[in-house]
Amino acid sequence: MKILSGLLLFVSVFFIAGFAPDTPTPYKIGDKATDFKLKSVDGKMYSMADFKAAKGFIVVFTCNHCPFAKKYEDRINDLAKKYKPQGYILLAINPNDPAVEPDDSFELMKVRAKEKGFAFPYLVDEGQKIYPQYGATKTPHAFLLDKNLIVRYIGAIDDNVDSASEVKEKYLENAIAALETGKTPSPETTKAIGCSIKAKK
């Protein structure tokens, strides 16, 4: 009986502390990211392993409906065009459950990608399995990985949501520049500003 009581106490503490077995630990700087294989609006499946010559990856969690994400769409597109020739592949992932936010359905993702002329794979996190691994909480939320999939930067794309022309700190681009010169990005983390990710409760 004592053994059973002790076991129940351990399980209770385990869950109260937030260490539920099914809850992945969000990535921290220096962690190695697990590759994924997700469907894009072009009907193809993409993973980081597809880009053998990549020097790094820009993984951005974003979506259709969020006003913050919309304000960053052109900037994300510009990043993809600028850095692909330099070996950094941008992969955008929609983490939202379309049952909770219908504007983020896969069909409407295809419409949005065509309207905006996205120059990057726009992927859907079906089953919402990838964003918890990364620890993404907002749209947009950016993660910079090096060629070995080591997480080197996490956070905001820059310091001005409202105006690209008034940006003073390009956090993500500065982090890429640091990797290019063999330095540690500074800062390595910033606070992502955006809408909360939509999941069933």
C-alpha atoms as a PDB file:
ATOM      1  CA  MET A   1       0.000   0.000   0.000  1.00  0.00           C
ATOM      2  CA  LYS A   2       2.879   2.348   0.874  1.00  0.00           C
ATOM      3  CA  ILE A   3       4.523   1.612  -2.471  1.00  0.00           C
ATOM      4  CA  LEU A   4       1.278   2.409  -4.312  1.00  0.00           C
ATOM      5  CA  SER A   5       0.823   5.660  -2.363  1.00  0.00           C
ATOM      6  CA  GLY A   6       4.396   6.671  -3.114  1.00  0.00           C
ATOM      7  CA  LEU A   7       3.945   5.949  -6.801  1.00  0.00           C
ATOM      8  CA  LEU A   8       0.746   8.017  -6.956  1.00  0.00           C
ATOM      9  CA  LEU A   9       2.506  10.914  -5.206  1.00  0.00           C
ATOM     10  CA  PHE A  10       5.392  10.757  -7.712  1.00  0.00           C
ATOM     11  CA  VAL A  11       3.014  10.764 -10.682  1.00  0.00           C
ATOM     12  CA  SER A  12       1.059  13.694  -9.232  1.00  0.00           C
ATOM     13  CA  VAL A  13       4.211  15.758  -8.689  1.00  0.00           C
ATOM     14  CA  PHE A  14       5.439  14.806 -12.172  1.00  0.00           C
ATOM     15  CA  PHE A  15       2.315  16.187 -13.829  1.00  0.00           C
ATOM     16  CA  ILE A  16       1.908  19.218 -11.554  1.00  0.00           C
ATOM     17  CA  ALA A  17       5.487  20.232 -12.352  1.00  0.00           C
ATOM     18  CA  GLY A  18       4.608  20.236 -16.008  1.00  0.00           C
ATOM     19  CA  PHE A  19       6.653  17.210 -16.992  1.00  0.00           C
ATOM     20  CA  ALA A  20       3.908  15.277 -18.698  1.00  0.00           C
ATOM     21  CA  PRO A  21       5.491  12.471 -20.753  1.00  0.00           C
ATOM     22  CA  ASP A  22       3.744  13.566 -23.963  1.00  0.00           C
ATOM     23  CA  THR A  23       4.876  17.190 -23.717  1.00  0.00           C
ATOM     24  CA  PRO A  24       8.142  17.758 -25.598  1.00  0.00           C
ATOM     25  CA  THR A  25      10.747  20.073 -24.111  1.00  0.00           C
ATOM     26  CA  PRO A  26      10.980  23.177 -26.311  1.00  0.00           C
ATOM     27  CA  TYR A  27      14.252  23.697 -28.119  1.00  0.00           C
ATOM     28  CA  LYS A  28      16.874  25.888 -26.510  1.00  0.00           C
ATOM     29  CA  ILE A  29      19.932  27.488 -28.073  1.00  0.00           C
ATOM     30  CA  GLY A  30      22.453  24.726 -28.800  1.00  0.00           C
ATOM     31  CA  ASP A  31      19.867  21.944 -29.139  1.00  0.00           C
ATOM     32  CA  LYS A  32      19.789  19.831 -32.278  1.00  0.00           C
ATOM     33  CA  ALA A  33      16.485  20.085 -34.099  1.00  0.00           C
ATOM     34  CA  THR A  34      14.789  16.966 -35.405  1.00  0.00           C
ATOM     35  CA  ASP A  35      14.052  17.037 -39.127  1.00  0.00           C
ATOM     36  CA  PHE A  36      10.453  16.993 -40.284  1.00  0.00           C
ATOM     37  CA  LYS A  37       8.583  16.033 -43.437  1.00  0.00           C
ATOM     38  CA  LEU A  38       5.624  18.306 -44.097  1.00  0.00           C
ATOM     39  CA  LYS A  39       3.259  18.985 -46.972  1.00  0.00           C
ATOM     40  CA  SER A  40       3.597  22.269 -48.847  1.00  0.00           C
ATOM     41  CA  VAL A  41       1.022  24.278 -50.777  1.00  0.00           C
ATOM     42  CA  ASP A  42       2.648  23.035 -53.999  1.00  0.00           C
ATOM     43  CA  GLY A  43       1.594  19.482 -53.082  1.00  0.00           C
ATOM     44  CA  LYS A  44       5.138  18.305 -52.390  1.00  0.00           C
ATOM     45  CA  MET A  45       6.588  17.033 -49.138  1.00  0.00           C
ATOM     46  CA  TYR A  46       9.589  18.904 -47.754  1.00  0.00           C
ATOM     47  CA  SER A  47      12.227  18.150 -45.163  1.00  0.00           C
ATOM     48  CA  MET A  48      15.529  19.801 -44.342  1.00  0.00           C
ATOM     49  CA  ALA A  49      17.293  16.691 -45.591  1.00  0.00           C
ATOM     50  CA  ASP A  50      16.145  17.632 -49.101  1.00  0.00           C
ATOM     51  CA  PHE A  51      18.602  20.541 -49.112  1.00  0.00           C
ATOM     52  CA  LYS A  52      21.959  18.770 -49.008  1.00  0.00           C
ATOM     53  CA  ALA A  53      24.055  21.865 -49.726  1.00  0.00           C
ATOM     54  CA  ALA A  54      22.282  24.169 -47.260  1.00  0.00           C
ATOM     55  CA  LYS A  55      24.414  26.240 -44.891  1.00  0.00           C
ATOM     56  CA  GLY A  56      21.478  26.679 -42.569  1.00  0.00           C
ATOM     57  CA  PHE A  57      17.712  26.910 -42.230  1.00  0.00           C
ATOM     58  CA  ILE A  58      15.318  29.701 -41.348  1.00  0.00           C
ATOM     59  CA  VAL A  59      12.214  28.054 -39.888  1.00  0.00           C
ATOM     60  CA  VAL A  60       9.352  30.503 -39.418  1.00  0.00           C
ATOM     61  CA  PHE A  61       6.033  29.553 -37.832  1.00  0.00           C
ATOM     62  CA  THR A  62       3.413  31.784 -39.446  1.00  0.00           C
ATOM     63  CA  CYS A  63      -0.124  31.642 -40.797  1.00  0.00           C
ATOM     64  CA  ASN A  64      -2.801  33.276 -42.949  1.00  0.00           C
ATOM     65  CA  HIS A  65      -5.121  35.053 -40.530  1.00  0.00           C
ATOM     66  CA  CYS A  66      -2.912  36.667 -37.884  1.00  0.00           C
ATOM     67  CA  PRO A  67      -2.477  40.433 -38.413  1.00  0.00           C
ATOM     68  CA  PHE A  68       1.094  40.231 -37.122  1.00  0.00           C
ATOM     69  CA  ALA A  69       1.889  37.434 -39.581  1.00  0.00           C
ATOM     70  CA  LYS A  70       0.368  39.469 -42.403  1.00  0.00           C
ATOM     71  CA  LYS A  71       2.590  42.420 -41.578  1.00  0.00           C
ATOM     72  CA  TYR A  72       5.628  40.149 -41.910  1.00  0.00           C
ATOM     73  CA  GLU A  73       4.625  38.287 -45.099  1.00  0.00           C
ATOM     74  CA  ASP A  74       6.584  40.525 -47.464  1.00  0.00           C
ATOM     75  CA  ARG A  75       9.586  40.580 -45.137  1.00  0.00           C
ATOM     76  CA  ILE A  76       9.567  36.788 -44.892  1.00  0.00           C
ATOM     77  CA  ASN A  77       9.358  36.561 -48.674  1.00  0.00           C
ATOM     78  CA  ASP A  78      12.277  38.981 -49.032  1.00  0.00           C
ATOM     79  CA  LEU A  79      14.321  36.923 -46.566  1.00  0.00           C
ATOM     80  CA  ALA A  80      13.693  33.764 -48.583  1.00  0.00           C
ATOM     81  CA  LYS A  81      14.787  35.445 -51.820  1.00  0.00           C
ATOM     82  CA  LYS A  82      17.833  37.093 -50.260  1.00  0.00           C
ATOM     83  CA  TYR A  83      19.261  34.143 -48.364  1.00  0.00           C
ATOM     84  CA  LYS A  84      18.496  31.148 -50.594  1.00  0.00           C
ATOM     85  CA  PRO A  85      21.374  32.071 -52.966  1.00  0.00           C
ATOM     86  CA  GLN A  86      23.598  32.309 -49.875  1.00  0.00           C
ATOM     87  CA  GLY A  87      22.655  28.780 -48.803  1.00  0.00           C
ATOM     88  CA  TYR A  88      20.046  29.510 -46.134  1.00  0.00           C
ATOM     89  CA  ILE A  89      16.710  27.850 -46.843  1.00  0.00           C
ATOM     90  CA  LEU A  90      13.549  29.419 -45.461  1.00  0.00           C
ATOM     91  CA  LEU A  91      10.733  27.040 -44.547  1.00  0.00           C
ATOM     92  CA  ALA A  92       7.470  28.560 -43.317  1.00  0.00           C
ATOM     93  CA  ILE A  93       5.161  26.367 -41.229  1.00  0.00           C
ATOM     94  CA  ASN A  94       1.509  27.045 -40.429  1.00  0.00           C
ATOM     95  CA  PRO A  95       1.007  25.517 -36.959  1.00  0.00           C
ATOM     96  CA  ASN A  96      -2.662  26.414 -36.460  1.00  0.00           C
ATOM     97  CA  ASP A  97      -5.521  23.922 -36.273  1.00  0.00           C
ATOM     98  CA  PRO A  98      -7.994  24.854 -39.055  1.00  0.00           C
ATOM     99  CA  ALA A  99     -10.853  23.530 -36.938  1.00  0.00           C
ATOM    100  CA  VAL A 100     -10.086  26.330 -34.483  1.00  0.00           C
ATOM    101  CA  GLU A 101      -9.131  28.956 -37.079  1.00  0.00           C
ATOM    102  CA  PRO A 102     -10.791  28.178 -40.467  1.00  0.00           C
ATOM    103  CA  ASP A 103      -8.840  30.952 -42.235  1.00  0.00           C
ATOM    104  CA  ASP A 104      -5.723  28.812 -41.767  1.00  0.00           C
ATOM    105  CA  SER A 105      -6.984  25.816 -43.727  1.00  0.00           C
ATOM    106  CA  PHE A 106      -4.667  24.164 -46.232  1.00  0.00           C
ATOM    107  CA  GLU A 107      -6.861  25.281 -49.145  1.00  0.00           C
ATOM    108  CA  LEU A 108      -6.679  28.904 -48.020  1.00  0.00           C
ATOM    109  CA  MET A 109      -2.920  28.560 -47.477  1.00  0.00           C
ATOM    110  CA  LYS A 110      -2.658  27.715 -51.193  1.00  0.00           C
ATOM    111  CA  VAL A 111      -4.717  30.773 -52.076  1.00  0.00           C
ATOM    112  CA  ARG A 112      -2.589  33.054 -49.883  1.00  0.00           C
ATOM    113  CA  ALA A 113       0.690  31.694 -51.224  1.00  0.00           C
ATOM    114  CA  LYS A 114      -0.436  32.345 -54.788  1.00  0.00           C
ATOM    115  CA  GLU A 115      -1.736  35.840 -53.999  1.00  0.00           C
ATOM    116  CA  LYS A 116       1.506  36.860 -52.317  1.00  0.00           C
ATOM    117  CA  GLY A 117       3.878  34.987 -54.618  1.00  0.00           C
ATOM    118  CA  PHE A 118       5.608  33.151 -51.804  1.00  0.00           C
ATOM    119  CA  ALA A 119       9.168  32.209 -52.767  1.00  0.00           C
ATOM    120  CA  PHE A 120       9.441  29.525 -50.081  1.00  0.00           C
ATOM    121  CA  PRO A 121       7.750  26.241 -49.158  1.00  0.00           C
ATOM    122  CA  TYR A 122       4.640  27.053 -47.115  1.00  0.00           C
ATOM    123  CA  LEU A 123       4.106  23.958 -45.008  1.00  0.00           C
ATOM    124  CA  VAL A 124       1.252  22.709 -42.870  1.00  0.00           C
ATOM    125  CA  ASP A 125       1.875  21.195 -39.440  1.00  0.00           C
ATOM    126  CA  GLU A 126      -0.841  18.544 -39.721  1.00  0.00           C
ATOM    127  CA  GLY A 127      -1.642  17.131 -36.309  1.00  0.00           C
ATOM    128  CA  GLN A 128       0.327  19.971 -34.720  1.00  0.00           C
ATOM    129  CA  LYS A 129       3.322  17.764 -33.976  1.00  0.00           C
ATOM    130  CA  ILE A 130       6.176  20.072 -34.981  1.00  0.00           C
ATOM    131  CA  TYR A 131       5.517  23.416 -33.340  1.00  0.00           C
ATOM    132  CA  PRO A 132       5.527  21.979 -29.768  1.00  0.00           C
ATOM    133  CA  GLN A 133       8.950  20.434 -30.431  1.00  0.00           C
ATOM    134  CA  TYR A 134      10.315  23.833 -31.353  1.00  0.00           C
ATOM    135  CA  GLY A 135       8.486  25.585 -28.559  1.00  0.00           C
ATOM    136  CA  ALA A 136       6.875  28.051 -30.960  1.00  0.00           C
ATOM    137  CA  THR A 137       4.187  30.100 -29.242  1.00  0.00           C
ATOM    138  CA  LYS A 138       3.423  32.910 -31.697  1.00  0.00           C
ATOM    139  CA  THR A 139       2.895  33.645 -35.352  1.00  0.00           C
ATOM    140  CA  PRO A 140       5.387  34.667 -36.511  1.00  0.00           C
ATOM    141  CA  HIS A 141       8.127  32.896 -34.490  1.00  0.00           C
ATOM    142  CA  ALA A 142      11.549  32.406 -36.088  1.00  0.00           C
ATOM    143  CA  PHE A 143      14.211  29.748 -35.516  1.00  0.00           C
ATOM    144  CA  LEU A 144      17.655  29.826 -37.145  1.00  0.00           C
ATOM    145  CA  LEU A 145      19.434  26.487 -37.497  1.00  0.00           C
ATOM    146  CA  ASP A 146      22.957  25.922 -38.758  1.00  0.00           C
ATOM    147  CA  LYS A 147      23.824  23.245 -41.319  1.00  0.00           C
ATOM    148  CA  ASN A 148      23.993  20.627 -38.555  1.00  0.00           C
ATOM    149  CA  LEU A 149      20.459  21.617 -37.432  1.00  0.00           C
ATOM    150  CA  ILE A 150      21.777  23.184 -34.233  1.00  0.00           C
ATOM    151  CA  VAL A 151      19.468  25.933 -32.989  1.00  0.00           C
ATOM    152  CA  ARG A 152      21.373  29.224 -33.078  1.00  0.00           C
ATOM    153  CA  TYR A 153      18.671  31.888 -32.768  1.00  0.00           C
ATOM    154  CA  ILE A 154      15.057  31.959 -31.536  1.00  0.00           C
ATOM    155  CA  GLY A 155      12.583  34.817 -31.525  1.00  0.00           C
ATOM    156  CA  ALA A 156      11.416  37.816 -33.508  1.00  0.00           C
ATOM    157  CA  ILE A 157      12.450  38.615 -37.082  1.00  0.00           C
ATOM    158  CA  ASP A 158      13.167  42.241 -36.215  1.00  0.00           C
ATOM    159  CA  ASP A 159      12.216  44.977 -33.751  1.00  0.00           C
ATOM    160  CA  ASN A 160       9.326  46.678 -35.569  1.00  0.00           C
ATOM    161  CA  VAL A 161       6.135  44.804 -36.312  1.00  0.00           C
ATOM    162  CA  ASP A 162       4.342  47.746 -37.865  1.00  0.00           C
ATOM    163  CA  SER A 163       6.900  49.146 -40.284  1.00  0.00           C
ATOM    164  CA  ALA A 164       9.687  47.419 -42.193  1.00  0.00           C
ATOM    165  CA  SER A 165      11.143  50.833 -43.077  1.00  0.00           C
ATOM    166  CA  GLU A 166      11.509  51.758 -39.396  1.00  0.00           C
ATOM    167  CA  VAL A 167      13.304  48.599 -38.269  1.00  0.00           C
ATOM    168  CA  LYS A 168      16.406  49.363 -36.214  1.00  0.00           C
ATOM    169  CA  GLU A 169      17.462  45.826 -35.270  1.00  0.00           C
ATOM    170  CA  LYS A 170      17.243  42.987 -37.790  1.00  0.00           C
ATOM    171  CA  TYR A 171      17.614  40.209 -35.235  1.00  0.00           C
ATOM    172  CA  LEU A 172      17.322  37.294 -37.646  1.00  0.00           C
ATOM    173  CA  GLU A 173      19.562  38.773 -40.331  1.00  0.00           C
ATOM    174  CA  ASN A 174      22.150  39.759 -37.724  1.00  0.00           C
ATOM    175  CA  ALA A 175      22.140  36.174 -36.442  1.00  0.00           C
ATOM    176  CA  ILE A 176      22.767  34.870 -39.968  1.00  0.00           C
ATOM    177  CA  ALA A 177      25.615  37.367 -40.402  1.00  0.00           C
ATOM    178  CA  ALA A 178      27.140  36.102 -37.148  1.00  0.00           C
ATOM    179  CA  LEU A 179      27.019  32.490 -38.363  1.00  0.00           C
ATOM    180  CA  GLU A 180      28.675  33.556 -41.620  1.00  0.00           C
ATOM    181  CA  THR A 181      31.668  34.911 -39.689  1.00  0.00           C
ATOM    182  CA  GLY A 182      31.816  32.042 -37.207  1.00  0.00           C
ATOM    183  CA  LYS A 183      30.521  34.146 -34.327  1.00  0.00           C
ATOM    184  CA  THR A 184      27.758  33.577 -31.804  1.00  0.00           C
ATOM    185  CA  PRO A 185      24.590  35.542 -32.587  1.00  0.00           C
ATOM    186  CA  SER A 186      23.902  38.386 -30.187  1.00  0.00           C
ATOM    187  CA  PRO A 187      21.216  38.324 -29.018  1.00  0.00           C
ATOM    188  CA  GLU A 188      20.592  34.589 -29.323  1.00  0.00           C
ATOM    189  CA  THR A 189      16.978  34.941 -28.223  1.00  0.00           C
ATOM    190  CA  THR A 190      14.344  37.668 -28.409  1.00  0.00           C
ATOM    191  CA  LYS A 191      10.651  37.792 -27.575  1.00  0.00           C
ATOM    192  CA  ALA A 192       8.425  36.758 -30.480  1.00  0.00           C
ATOM    193  CA  ILE A 193       5.534  39.184 -30.982  1.00  0.00           C
ATOM    194  CA  GLY A 194       2.388  37.845 -32.625  1.00  0.00           C
ATOM    195  CA  CYS A 195      -0.819  35.871 -32.294  1.00  0.00           C
ATOM    196  CA  SER A 196      -0.984  32.791 -30.109  1.00  0.00           C
ATOM    197  CA  ILE A 197      -0.928  29.452 -31.907  1.00  0.00           C
ATOM    198  CA  LYS A 198      -4.424  28.026 -32.261  1.00  0.00           C
ATOM    199  CA  ALA A 199      -4.891  24.503 -30.903  1.00  0.00           C
ATOM    200  CA  LYS A 200      -7.885  22.502 -29.701  1.00  0.00           C
ATOM    201  CA  LYS A 201      -8.321  22.641 -25.927  1.00  0.00           C
END
